[in-house]
Amino acid sequence: MSAAKTKAQAFIDENPVAVFSKSYCPYCKATKSLLTELNANFNVMEIDLLDDGPAIQDALEQISGQRTVPNIFIAKKHIGGNSDLQALKKSALPKLLENAGAL
């Protein structure tokens, strides 16, 4: 397993809510805003600020099948991107966050 894939998987495994993001991305900002609004305990990896960011993005594609950001995991389960998270907002998201121990 590559170092980037190991790093990405460890971040997913160690955080109830793991968000892979790019600091300038408006969809990433919307995701972080929604999670903040819900008082969720979440951790963000800003991959555009990391030397190995491109390798982590490649690794995420292997792990989740999704290359774009935000790339969101709750309780180690791949949720998808911002539109997927927003779609869960009123239905399953609060329960998912609660079950992950993130509320």
Foldseek 3Di string as FASTA:
>chain_A
DDPLLVVLLCQLQVWQKEWEAAPPDPQQVLVVVLCVVLQFAYDYDRLVPDPCSVVNLVSCCVVPVDNDPGFMHHNSHTQGHSVSQVVCSVPCVVVSRVVSVGD
